[in-house]
């Protein structure tokens, strides 16, 4: 399954929504999730714990 959360307006909560969907699918559906944030504003969250 591929889920896309997109839109052109900045600050509308797309990254937050995508993260919440990923957490829900991981916890409730025991799904393996890979999340890719292609935000051109480069406002993604750094997920590398060693950084």
Protein backbone atom coordinates (compact mmCIF):
# COMPACT_ATOMS: atom_id res chain seq x y z
CA UNK A 1 0.00 0.00 0.00
CA UNK A 2 1.26 3.48 -0.82
CA UNK A 3 -0.29 6.50 0.91
CA UNK A 4 0.53 10.01 -0.29
CA UNK A 5 -0.16 13.09 1.82
CA UNK A 6 0.38 16.11 -0.40
CA UNK A 7 -0.53 19.66 -1.21
CA UNK A 8 1.16 22.89 -2.16
CA UNK A 9 0.28 25.03 0.84
CA UNK A 10 2.96 25.19 3.51
CA UNK A 11 2.09 24.90 7.17
CA UNK A 12 -1.09 22.88 6.65
CA UNK A 13 0.08 19.90 8.73
CA UNK A 14 0.96 17.40 5.99
CA UNK A 15 4.09 16.08 7.74
CA UNK A 16 2.27 15.80 11.07
CA UNK A 17 -0.62 13.95 9.44
CA UNK A 18 1.77 11.59 7.62
CA UNK A 19 3.60 10.82 10.87
CA UNK A 20 0.35 10.11 12.70
CA UNK A 21 -0.82 7.78 9.93
CA UNK A 22 2.54 5.96 10.06
CA UNK A 23 2.29 5.52 13.84
CA UNK A 24 -1.30 4.32 13.58
CA UNK A 25 -0.47 1.76 10.90
CA UNK A 26 2.53 0.52 12.89
CA UNK A 27 0.64 0.16 16.17
CA UNK A 28 -2.86 -0.83 15.11
CA UNK A 29 -2.25 -2.77 11.88
CA UNK A 30 1.22 -4.13 12.80
CA UNK A 31 2.39 -2.80 9.40
CA UNK A 32 5.96 -2.12 8.39
CA UNK A 33 6.15 1.53 7.41
CA UNK A 34 8.73 3.54 5.48
CA UNK A 35 8.05 7.26 5.54
CA UNK A 36 9.62 9.57 2.95
CA UNK A 37 9.19 13.33 3.39
CA UNK A 38 9.75 15.10 0.06
CA UNK A 39 9.00 18.57 1.40
CA UNK A 40 10.73 21.16 -0.83
CA UNK A 41 11.04 23.46 2.22
CA UNK A 42 13.26 20.81 3.84
CA UNK A 43 11.34 21.01 7.09
CA UNK A 44 11.46 17.25 7.68
CA UNK A 45 12.33 15.76 11.05
CA UNK A 46 15.74 14.18 11.43
CA UNK A 47 15.12 10.56 12.43
CA UNK A 48 18.77 9.53 12.72
CA UNK A 49 19.38 9.03 16.46
CA UNK A 50 23.16 9.21 16.00
CA UNK A 51 22.97 12.71 14.51
